[in-house]
PDB file of N, CA and C in Angstrom:
ATOM      1  N   MET A   1      15.220   0.990  12.191  1.00  0.00           N
ATOM      2  CA  MET A   1      14.729  -0.051  11.841  1.00  0.00           C
ATOM      3  C   MET A   1      15.086  -0.390  10.130  1.00  0.00           C
ATOM      4  N   PHE A   2      15.145  -1.898  10.198  1.00  0.00           N
ATOM      5  CA  PHE A   2      15.071  -3.088   9.358  1.00  0.00           C
ATOM      6  C   PHE A   2      13.447  -2.766   8.529  1.00  0.00           C
ATOM      7  N   LEU A   3      13.186  -2.996   7.650  1.00  0.00           N
ATOM      8  CA  LEU A   3      12.014  -3.460   6.524  1.00  0.00           C
ATOM      9  C   LEU A   3      11.635  -4.770   6.513  1.00  0.00           C
ATOM     10  N   GLU A   4      10.655  -5.164   7.236  1.00  0.00           N
ATOM     11  CA  GLU A   4      10.768  -7.047   7.249  1.00  0.00           C
ATOM     12  C   GLU A   4       8.761  -6.921   6.878  1.00  0.00           C
ATOM     13  N   ILE A   5       9.251  -8.179   6.104  1.00  0.00           N
ATOM     14  CA  ILE A   5       7.388  -7.868   6.039  1.00  0.00           C
ATOM     15  C   ILE A   5       7.214  -9.565   6.546  1.00  0.00           C
ATOM     16  N   THR A   6       6.382  -9.495   7.942  1.00  0.00           N
ATOM     17  CA  THR A   6       5.441 -10.816   9.001  1.00  0.00           C
ATOM     18  C   THR A   6       4.683 -11.337   7.555  1.00  0.00           C
ATOM     19  N   GLN A   7       3.579 -10.958   7.477  1.00  0.00           N
ATOM     20  CA  GLN A   7       2.928 -11.170   6.260  1.00  0.00           C
ATOM     21  C   GLN A   7       2.560 -11.533   5.380  1.00  0.00           C
ATOM     22  N   ALA A   8       2.568 -11.638   3.835  1.00  0.00           N
ATOM     23  CA  ALA A   8       1.728 -11.733   3.121  1.00  0.00           C
ATOM     24  C   ALA A   8       0.365 -12.494   2.144  1.00  0.00           C
ATOM     25  N   SER A   9      -0.856 -11.915   2.221  1.00  0.00           N
ATOM     26  CA  SER A   9      -1.279 -12.907   1.565  1.00  0.00           C
ATOM     27  C   SER A   9      -2.150 -12.811   0.271  1.00  0.00           C
ATOM     28  N   TYR A  10      -2.117 -13.804  -0.760  1.00  0.00           N
ATOM     29  CA  TYR A  10      -3.071 -13.880  -1.989  1.00  0.00           C
ATOM     30  C   TYR A  10      -4.059 -13.141  -2.647  1.00  0.00           C
ATOM     31  N   ILE A  11      -4.183 -12.084  -3.015  1.00  0.00           N
ATOM     32  CA  ILE A  11      -5.418 -11.125  -2.964  1.00  0.00           C
ATOM     33  C   ILE A  11      -5.864 -11.903  -4.501  1.00  0.00           C
ATOM     34  N   ASN A  12      -5.186 -11.695  -5.396  1.00  0.00           N
ATOM     35  CA  ASN A  12      -5.507 -11.896  -7.087  1.00  0.00           C
ATOM     36  C   ASN A  12      -4.832 -11.325  -8.004  1.00  0.00           C
ATOM     37  N   ASP A  13      -4.935 -12.144  -9.769  1.00  0.00           N
ATOM     38  CA  ASP A  13      -4.133 -11.403 -10.763  1.00  0.00           C
ATOM     39  C   ASP A  13      -2.743 -11.853  -9.571  1.00  0.00           C
ATOM     40  N   TYR A  14      -1.823 -10.156  -9.349  1.00  0.00           N
ATOM     41  CA  TYR A  14      -0.994 -10.457  -9.379  1.00  0.00           C
ATOM     42  C   TYR A  14      -0.535  -9.706  -8.579  1.00  0.00           C
ATOM     43  N   LYS A  15      -1.370  -9.460  -7.663  1.00  0.00           N
ATOM     44  CA  LYS A  15      -1.507  -8.328  -6.129  1.00  0.00           C
ATOM     45  C   LYS A  15      -0.799  -9.246  -4.716  1.00  0.00           C
ATOM     46  N   LEU A  16      -0.555  -8.637  -4.010  1.00  0.00           N
ATOM     47  CA  LEU A  16      -0.279  -9.291  -2.695  1.00  0.00           C
ATOM     48  C   LEU A  16      -0.954  -8.059  -1.713  1.00  0.00           C
ATOM     49  N   LEU A  17      -1.492  -9.069   0.003  1.00  0.00           N
ATOM     50  CA  LEU A  17      -0.766  -8.395   0.470  1.00  0.00           C
ATOM     51  C   LEU A  17      -0.229  -8.108   1.403  1.00  0.00           C
ATOM     52  N   LEU A  18       0.049  -7.485   1.574  1.00  0.00           N
ATOM     53  CA  LEU A  18       1.933  -7.462   2.452  1.00  0.00           C
ATOM     54  C   LEU A  18       1.486  -6.700   3.463  1.00  0.00           C
ATOM     55  N   ARG A  19       1.579  -7.139   4.623  1.00  0.00           N
ATOM     56  CA  ARG A  19       2.088  -6.541   6.625  1.00  0.00           C
ATOM     57  C   ARG A  19       3.677  -6.641   6.379  1.00  0.00           C
ATOM     58  N   PHE A  20       3.947  -5.445   7.270  1.00  0.00           N
ATOM     59  CA  PHE A  20       5.258  -4.758   7.689  1.00  0.00           C
ATOM     60  C   PHE A  20       5.704  -4.955   9.101  1.00  0.00           C
ATOM     61  N   ASN A  21       7.289  -5.102   9.289  1.00  0.00           N
ATOM     62  CA  ASN A  21       7.567  -4.992  10.809  1.00  0.00           C
ATOM     63  C   ASN A  21       7.095  -3.671  11.780  1.00  0.00           C
ATOM     64  N   ASN A  22       6.673  -2.705  10.521  1.00  0.00           N
ATOM     65  CA  ASN A  22       6.317  -1.426  11.382  1.00  0.00           C
ATOM     66  C   ASN A  22       4.810  -1.529  11.528  1.00  0.00           C
ATOM     67  N   GLY A  23       3.932  -1.858  11.211  1.00  0.00           N
ATOM     68  CA  GLY A  23       2.694  -1.865  11.284  1.00  0.00           C
ATOM     69  C   GLY A  23       1.913  -1.943  10.134  1.00  0.00           C
ATOM     70  N   THR A  24       2.182  -1.116   9.225  1.00  0.00           N
ATOM     71  CA  THR A  24       1.889  -1.238   8.287  1.00  0.00           C
ATOM     72  C   THR A  24       1.527  -2.221   7.386  1.00  0.00           C
ATOM     73  N   GLU A  25       0.156  -2.346   6.312  1.00  0.00           N
ATOM     74  CA  GLU A  25      -0.546  -3.056   5.859  1.00  0.00           C
ATOM     75  C   GLU A  25      -1.307  -2.654   4.178  1.00  0.00           C
ATOM     76  N   MET A  26      -0.254  -2.621   3.073  1.00  0.00           N
ATOM     77  CA  MET A  26      -0.859  -2.468   1.534  1.00  0.00           C
ATOM     78  C   MET A  26      -1.159  -3.251   1.024  1.00  0.00           C
ATOM     79  N   THR A  27      -1.205  -3.334  -0.469  1.00  0.00           N
ATOM     80  CA  THR A  27      -1.148  -3.975  -1.479  1.00  0.00           C
ATOM     81  C   THR A  27      -0.707  -3.616  -2.265  1.00  0.00           C
ATOM     82  N   ALA A  28      -0.113  -4.375  -3.015  1.00  0.00           N
ATOM     83  CA  ALA A  28       1.387  -4.069  -4.260  1.00  0.00           C
ATOM     84  C   ALA A  28       0.819  -5.278  -5.103  1.00  0.00           C
ATOM     85  N   ASP A  29       0.565  -4.656  -6.020  1.00  0.00           N
ATOM     86  CA  ASP A  29       0.288  -5.166  -7.370  1.00  0.00           C
ATOM     87  C   ASP A  29       1.597  -5.201  -8.208  1.00  0.00           C
ATOM     88  N   LEU A  30       2.143  -6.799  -8.619  1.00  0.00           N
ATOM     89  CA  LEU A  30       3.497  -6.490  -8.757  1.00  0.00           C
ATOM     90  C   LEU A  30       3.386  -7.181 -10.479  1.00  0.00           C
ATOM     91  N   GLU A  31       2.366  -6.837 -11.714  1.00  0.00           N
ATOM     92  CA  GLU A  31       2.434  -7.234 -12.263  1.00  0.00           C
ATOM     93  C   GLU A  31       3.622  -6.997 -13.742  1.00  0.00           C
ATOM     94  N   ASP A  32       3.589  -5.702 -13.501  1.00  0.00           N
ATOM     95  CA  ASP A  32       5.184  -4.711 -14.084  1.00  0.00           C
ATOM     96  C   ASP A  32       5.974  -4.938 -13.665  1.00  0.00           C
ATOM     97  N   GLU A  33       6.256  -5.858 -12.473  1.00  0.00           N
ATOM     98  CA  GLU A  33       7.479  -5.815 -11.728  1.00  0.00           C
ATOM     99  C   GLU A  33       8.638  -7.612 -12.171  1.00  0.00           C
ATOM    100  N   LEU A  34       6.858  -8.508 -13.075  1.00  0.00           N
ATOM    101  CA  LEU A  34       7.790  -9.626 -13.582  1.00  0.00           C
ATOM    102  C   LEU A  34       8.547  -9.404 -14.657  1.00  0.00           C
ATOM    103  N   ASN A  35      10.182  -8.977 -14.661  1.00  0.00           N
ATOM    104  CA  ASN A  35      10.648  -9.437 -15.828  1.00  0.00           C
ATOM    105  C   ASN A  35      12.209  -9.995 -15.193  1.00  0.00           C
ATOM    106  N   GLY A  36      12.728 -10.576 -16.247  1.00  0.00           N
ATOM    107  CA  GLY A  36      13.621 -10.795 -16.602  1.00  0.00           C
ATOM    108  C   GLY A  36      13.497 -12.447 -16.269  1.00  0.00           C
ATOM    109  N   ARG A  37      15.134 -13.323 -16.241  1.00  0.00           N
ATOM    110  CA  ARG A  37      14.427 -14.870 -16.153  1.00  0.00           C
ATOM    111  C   ARG A  37      14.553 -15.168 -15.049  1.00  0.00           C
ATOM    112  N   VAL A  38      14.789 -14.400 -13.659  1.00  0.00           N
ATOM    113  CA  VAL A  38      13.921 -15.554 -12.721  1.00  0.00           C
ATOM    114  C   VAL A  38      12.801 -14.495 -12.506  1.00  0.00           C
ATOM    115  N   PHE A  39      11.679 -13.717 -12.899  1.00  0.00           N
ATOM    116  CA  PHE A  39      10.852 -13.569 -12.524  1.00  0.00           C
ATOM    117  C   PHE A  39      10.132 -13.891 -13.700  1.00  0.00           C
ATOM    118  N   ALA A  40      10.342 -13.770 -14.732  1.00  0.00           N
ATOM    119  CA  ALA A  40       9.541 -14.452 -15.595  1.00  0.00           C
ATOM    120  C   ALA A  40       7.883 -15.348 -15.314  1.00  0.00           C
ATOM    121  N   PRO A  41       8.879 -16.327 -15.256  1.00  0.00           N
ATOM    122  CA  PRO A  41       8.130 -17.865 -14.766  1.00  0.00           C
ATOM    123  C   PRO A  41       6.875 -17.814 -13.987  1.00  0.00           C
ATOM    124  N   LEU A  42       6.475 -16.274 -12.465  1.00  0.00           N
ATOM    125  CA  LEU A  42       6.014 -16.174 -12.478  1.00  0.00           C
ATOM    126  C   LEU A  42       4.661 -15.434 -12.339  1.00  0.00           C
ATOM    127  N   LYS A  43       4.714 -15.241 -14.229  1.00  0.00           N
ATOM    128  CA  LYS A  43       3.251 -14.715 -14.901  1.00  0.00           C
ATOM    129  C   LYS A  43       2.485 -15.874 -14.579  1.00  0.00           C
ATOM    130  N   ASP A  44       2.833 -16.282 -14.629  1.00  0.00           N
ATOM    131  CA  ASP A  44       2.193 -17.736 -14.800  1.00  0.00           C
ATOM    132  C   ASP A  44       1.464 -17.785 -13.077  1.00  0.00           C
ATOM    133  N   LYS A  45       0.762 -17.370 -12.922  1.00  0.00           N
ATOM    134  CA  LYS A  45      -0.722 -17.489 -11.811  1.00  0.00           C
ATOM    135  C   LYS A  45      -0.607 -18.140 -10.595  1.00  0.00           C
ATOM    136  N   ASN A  46      -0.626 -19.561 -10.890  1.00  0.00           N
ATOM    137  CA  ASN A  46      -0.375 -21.120 -10.146  1.00  0.00           C
ATOM    138  C   ASN A  46       0.823 -20.889  -9.979  1.00  0.00           C
ATOM    139  N   LYS A  47       2.504 -20.680 -10.782  1.00  0.00           N
ATOM    140  CA  LYS A  47       3.424 -20.373  -9.475  1.00  0.00           C
ATOM    141  C   LYS A  47       3.437 -18.904  -8.425  1.00  0.00           C
ATOM    142  N   PHE A  48       2.986 -17.698  -8.259  1.00  0.00           N
ATOM    143  CA  PHE A  48       2.904 -16.730  -8.374  1.00  0.00           C
ATOM    144  C   PHE A  48       2.259 -17.421  -7.367  1.00  0.00           C
ATOM    145  N   ARG A  49       1.083 -17.868  -7.192  1.00  0.00           N
ATOM    146  CA  ARG A  49       0.701 -18.133  -5.735  1.00  0.00           C
ATOM    147  C   ARG A  49       1.622 -18.647  -4.492  1.00  0.00           C
ATOM    148  N   LYS A  50       1.793 -19.875  -5.361  1.00  0.00           N
ATOM    149  CA  LYS A  50       3.010 -20.859  -4.220  1.00  0.00           C
ATOM    150  C   LYS A  50       4.224 -19.435  -4.114  1.00  0.00           C
ATOM    151  N   PHE A  51       4.274 -18.535  -2.823  1.00  0.00           N
ATOM    152  CA  PHE A  51       5.196 -17.867  -2.329  1.00  0.00           C
ATOM    153  C   PHE A  51       5.483 -18.831  -0.132  1.00  0.00           C
ATOM    154  N   SER A  52       5.874 -17.828   0.285  1.00  0.00           N
ATOM    155  CA  SER A  52       6.145 -17.952   1.338  1.00  0.00           C
ATOM    156  C   SER A  52       7.405 -16.766   2.077  1.00  0.00           C
ATOM    157  N   ILE A  53       7.065 -16.259   3.436  1.00  0.00           N
ATOM    158  CA  ILE A  53       7.878 -15.424   4.018  1.00  0.00           C
ATOM    159  C   ILE A  53       9.464 -16.086   4.293  1.00  0.00           C
ATOM    160  N   VAL A  54      10.100 -15.825   3.766  1.00  0.00           N
ATOM    161  CA  VAL A  54      11.766 -16.580   3.996  1.00  0.00           C
ATOM    162  C   VAL A  54      12.505 -15.296   4.028  1.00  0.00           C
ATOM    163  N   PHE A  55      13.355 -15.587   5.482  1.00  0.00           N
ATOM    164  CA  PHE A  55      14.736 -13.959   5.204  1.00  0.00           C
ATOM    165  C   PHE A  55      13.870 -12.945   5.144  1.00  0.00           C
ATOM    166  N   ASN A  56      12.159 -12.834   5.751  1.00  0.00           N
ATOM    167  CA  ASN A  56      11.440 -11.337   6.350  1.00  0.00           C
ATOM    168  C   ASN A  56      10.979 -11.225   4.634  1.00  0.00           C
ATOM    169  N   THR A  57      11.106 -11.617   3.836  1.00  0.00           N
ATOM    170  CA  THR A  57      10.814 -11.102   2.460  1.00  0.00           C
ATOM    171  C   THR A  57       9.955 -11.818   1.897  1.00  0.00           C
ATOM    172  N   VAL A  58       9.083 -11.359   0.669  1.00  0.00           N
ATOM    173  CA  VAL A  58       8.686 -12.900   0.300  1.00  0.00           C
ATOM    174  C   VAL A  58       9.436 -13.365  -0.947  1.00  0.00           C
ATOM    175  N   GLU A  59       9.041 -14.688  -0.830  1.00  0.00           N
ATOM    176  CA  GLU A  59      10.038 -15.581  -2.212  1.00  0.00           C
ATOM    177  C   GLU A  59       9.221 -16.569  -2.802  1.00  0.00           C
ATOM    178  N   TRP A  60       9.597 -17.014  -4.036  1.00  0.00           N
ATOM    179  CA  TRP A  60       8.715 -18.383  -4.322  1.00  0.00           C
ATOM    180  C   TRP A  60       9.486 -19.041  -4.408  1.00  0.00           C
ATOM    181  N   GLU A  61       9.389 -20.399  -4.674  1.00  0.00           N
ATOM    182  CA  GLU A  61       9.466 -21.918  -5.228  1.00  0.00           C
ATOM    183  C   GLU A  61      11.156 -21.848  -5.801  1.00  0.00           C
ATOM    184  N   ASN A  62      10.749 -20.782  -6.903  1.00  0.00           N
ATOM    185  CA  ASN A  62      12.033 -20.814  -8.033  1.00  0.00           C
ATOM    186  C   ASN A  62      13.028 -19.783  -7.263  1.00  0.00           C
ATOM    187  N   GLY A  63      13.486 -18.799  -6.098  1.00  0.00           N
ATOM    188  CA  GLY A  63      14.149 -17.915  -5.246  1.00  0.00           C
ATOM    189  C   GLY A  63      13.858 -17.071  -5.931  1.00  0.00           C
ATOM    190  N   ALA A  64      12.712 -16.403  -5.983  1.00  0.00           N
ATOM    191  CA  ALA A  64      12.520 -15.323  -6.829  1.00  0.00           C
ATOM    192  C   ALA A  64      12.665 -14.159  -5.535  1.00  0.00           C
ATOM    193  N   ASP A  65      12.896 -13.173  -5.482  1.00  0.00           N
ATOM    194  CA  ASP A  65      12.219 -12.511  -3.525  1.00  0.00           C
ATOM    195  C   ASP A  65      12.436 -11.042  -4.736  1.00  0.00           C
ATOM    196  N   PHE A  66      12.079  -9.968  -3.634  1.00  0.00           N
ATOM    197  CA  PHE A  66      11.910  -8.658  -3.781  1.00  0.00           C
ATOM    198  C   PHE A  66      12.617  -8.267  -2.278  1.00  0.00           C
ATOM    199  N   ALA A  67      12.628  -7.216  -2.411  1.00  0.00           N
ATOM    200  CA  ALA A  67      13.130  -6.592  -0.616  1.00  0.00           C
ATOM    201  C   ALA A  67      12.646  -5.995  -0.263  1.00  0.00           C
ATOM    202  N   PRO A  68      12.103  -6.545   1.472  1.00  0.00           N
ATOM    203  CA  PRO A  68      10.875  -5.424   1.499  1.00  0.00           C
ATOM    204  C   PRO A  68      11.263  -4.090   1.409  1.00  0.00           C
ATOM    205  N   GLU A  69      12.042  -3.418   1.410  1.00  0.00           N
ATOM    206  CA  GLU A  69      12.337  -2.388   1.043  1.00  0.00           C
ATOM    207  C   GLU A  69      11.755  -1.979  -0.036  1.00  0.00           C
ATOM    208  N   TYR A  70      12.237  -2.256  -1.418  1.00  0.00           N
ATOM    209  CA  TYR A  70      11.294  -2.490  -2.337  1.00  0.00           C
ATOM    210  C   TYR A  70       9.558  -2.327  -2.627  1.00  0.00           C
ATOM    211  N   LEU A  71       9.119  -3.764  -2.174  1.00  0.00           N
ATOM    212  CA  LEU A  71       8.224  -3.564  -1.788  1.00  0.00           C
ATOM    213  C   LEU A  71       7.253  -2.989  -0.674  1.00  0.00           C
ATOM    214  N   TYR A  72       7.504  -2.423  -0.262  1.00  0.00           N
ATOM    215  CA  TYR A  72       6.731  -0.976   0.291  1.00  0.00           C
ATOM    216  C   TYR A  72       7.045   0.109  -0.369  1.00  0.00           C
ATOM    217  N   GLU A  73       8.214   1.203  -1.235  1.00  0.00           N
ATOM    218  CA  GLU A  73       8.112   2.188  -2.096  1.00  0.00           C
ATOM    219  C   GLU A  73       6.929   1.687  -2.608  1.00  0.00           C
ATOM    220  N   LEU A  74       7.060   0.296  -3.325  1.00  0.00           N
ATOM    221  CA  LEU A  74       5.736   0.040  -4.553  1.00  0.00           C
ATOM    222  C   LEU A  74       5.016   0.525  -4.263  1.00  0.00           C
ATOM    223  N   ALA A  75       3.927  -0.628  -3.161  1.00  0.00           N
ATOM    224  CA  ALA A  75       3.244   0.271  -2.483  1.00  0.00           C
ATOM    225  C   ALA A  75       2.507   1.300  -2.723  1.00  0.00           C
ATOM    226  N   ILE A  76       3.675   1.526  -2.176  1.00  0.00           N
ATOM    227  CA  ILE A  76       3.105   3.462  -1.183  1.00  0.00           C
ATOM    228  C   ILE A  76       2.733   4.235  -2.407  1.00  0.00           C
ATOM    229  N   SER A  77       3.631   3.989  -4.302  1.00  0.00           N
ATOM    230  CA  SER A  77       3.478   4.526  -5.393  1.00  0.00           C
ATOM    231  C   SER A  77       2.165   4.249  -5.843  1.00  0.00           C
ATOM    232  N   GLN A  78       1.785   3.338  -5.664  1.00  0.00           N
ATOM    233  CA  GLN A  78       1.182   2.327  -6.254  1.00  0.00           C
ATOM    234  C   GLN A  78       0.105   3.116  -5.531  1.00  0.00           C
ATOM    235  N   HIS A  79      -0.281   3.052  -3.852  1.00  0.00           N
ATOM    236  CA  HIS A  79      -1.048   3.765  -2.966  1.00  0.00           C
ATOM    237  C   HIS A  79      -1.312   4.997  -4.376  1.00  0.00           C
ATOM    238  N   LYS A  80      -0.470   5.879  -3.942  1.00  0.00           N
ATOM    239  CA  LYS A  80      -0.723   7.227  -4.359  1.00  0.00           C
ATOM    240  C   LYS A  80      -1.332   7.588  -5.410  1.00  0.00           C
ATOM    241  N   ILE A  81      -0.772   6.751  -6.512  1.00  0.00           N
ATOM    242  CA  ILE A  81      -1.414   6.024  -7.566  1.00  0.00           C
ATOM    243  C   ILE A  81      -2.965   6.139  -8.553  1.00  0.00           C
ATOM    244  N   ALA A  82      -3.336   5.521  -6.662  1.00  0.00           N
ATOM    245  CA  ALA A  82      -4.516   5.282  -6.554  1.00  0.00           C
ATOM    246  C   ALA A  82      -5.666   6.312  -6.218  1.00  0.00           C
ATOM    247  N   SER A  83      -4.944   6.662  -5.595  1.00  0.00           N
ATOM    248  CA  SER A  83      -5.737   7.441  -3.543  1.00  0.00           C
ATOM    249  C   SER A  83      -6.031   8.803  -4.720  1.00  0.00           C
ATOM    250  N   GLU A  84      -5.021   9.318  -6.060  1.00  0.00           N
ATOM    251  CA  GLU A  84      -5.116  10.361  -6.310  1.00  0.00           C
ATOM    252  C   GLU A  84      -6.373  10.693  -7.051  1.00  0.00           C
ATOM    253  N   PRO A  85      -7.180  12.340  -6.914  1.00  0.00           N
ATOM    254  CA  PRO A  85      -8.089  12.388  -7.895  1.00  0.00           C
ATOM    255  C   PRO A  85      -8.479  12.976  -8.811  1.00  0.00           C
ATOM    256  N   THR A  86      -9.448  12.570  -9.305  1.00  0.00           N
ATOM    257  CA  THR A  86      -9.644  12.396 -11.129  1.00  0.00           C
ATOM    258  C   THR A  86     -10.075  13.697 -11.674  1.00  0.00           C
ATOM    259  N   ARG A  87      -9.830  14.153 -12.363  1.00  0.00           N
ATOM    260  CA  ARG A  87     -10.401  15.279 -12.880  1.00  0.00           C
ATOM    261  C   ARG A  87     -11.593  15.195 -13.456  1.00  0.00           C
ATOM    262  N   GLU A  88     -12.534  15.839 -12.945  1.00  0.00           N
ATOM    263  CA  GLU A  88     -14.276  15.460 -14.052  1.00  0.00           C
ATOM    264  C   GLU A  88     -14.518  16.014 -14.920  1.00  0.00           C
ATOM    265  N   TYR A  89     -13.952  15.606 -16.532  1.00  0.00           N
ATOM    266  CA  TYR A  89     -14.326  16.470 -17.592  1.00  0.00           C
ATOM    267  C   TYR A  89     -16.450  16.687 -18.074  1.00  0.00           C
ATOM    268  N   GLY A  90     -16.178  17.561 -18.016  1.00  0.00           N
ATOM    269  CA  GLY A  90     -17.133  18.219 -18.057  1.00  0.00           C
ATOM    270  C   GLY A  90     -17.686  18.804 -17.016  1.00  0.00           C
ATOM    271  N   ASN A  91     -16.949  18.871 -16.241  1.00  0.00           N
ATOM    272  CA  ASN A  91     -16.859  19.797 -15.012  1.00  0.00           C
ATOM    273  C   ASN A  91     -16.183  21.215 -14.954  1.00  0.00           C
ATOM    274  N   ARG A  92     -16.843  21.893 -15.659  1.00  0.00           N
ATOM    275  CA  ARG A  92     -15.658  23.511 -15.575  1.00  0.00           C
ATOM    276  C   ARG A  92     -15.615  23.919 -14.326  1.00  0.00           C
ATOM    277  N   GLY A  93     -16.825  23.532 -13.723  1.00  0.00           N
ATOM    278  CA  GLY A  93     -16.808  25.098 -12.606  1.00  0.00           C
ATOM    279  C   GLY A  93     -17.265  26.478 -12.654  1.00  0.00           C
ATOM    280  N   ASN A  94     -15.885  27.663 -12.318  1.00  0.00           N
ATOM    281  CA  ASN A  94     -16.497  28.368 -12.159  1.00  0.00           C
ATOM    282  C   ASN A  94     -15.293  28.732 -13.371  1.00  0.00           C
ATOM    283  N   GLN A  95     -14.520  28.429 -14.816  1.00  0.00           N
ATOM    284  CA  GLN A  95     -13.596  28.297 -14.956  1.00  0.00           C
ATOM    285  C   GLN A  95     -14.490  29.250 -16.689  1.00  0.00           C
ATOM    286  N   ASP A  96     -13.723  30.166 -16.894  1.00  0.00           N
ATOM    287  CA  ASP A  96     -14.579  30.612 -17.990  1.00  0.00           C
ATOM    288  C   ASP A  96     -14.017  30.520 -19.502  1.00  0.00           C
ATOM    289  N   ASP A  97     -14.608  30.537 -20.858  1.00  0.00           N
ATOM    290  CA  ASP A  97     -14.316  30.217 -22.336  1.00  0.00           C
ATOM    291  C   ASP A  97     -13.427  31.668 -22.355  1.00  0.00           C
TER     292      ASP A  97
END
């Protein structure tokens, strides 16, 4: 199955809520992905907010787009990072010095 984006909504900053044709719905933060001549104009949040679904992916008015597969993998990696447990410093448990 080819991945396709079926819906996209602006959340805030450079975050989009994406729904894929496999039923998955995830958030992708594109702030660190807006590099290069095509994507740099999207650092203007007013321009970033103006997107639509074209050919089954998110596309902006200037023609910039990301492959659905890229957005899917990006969202997964960001979700894993965001959901990893953090170590609580100061709570040493049963560790001995």
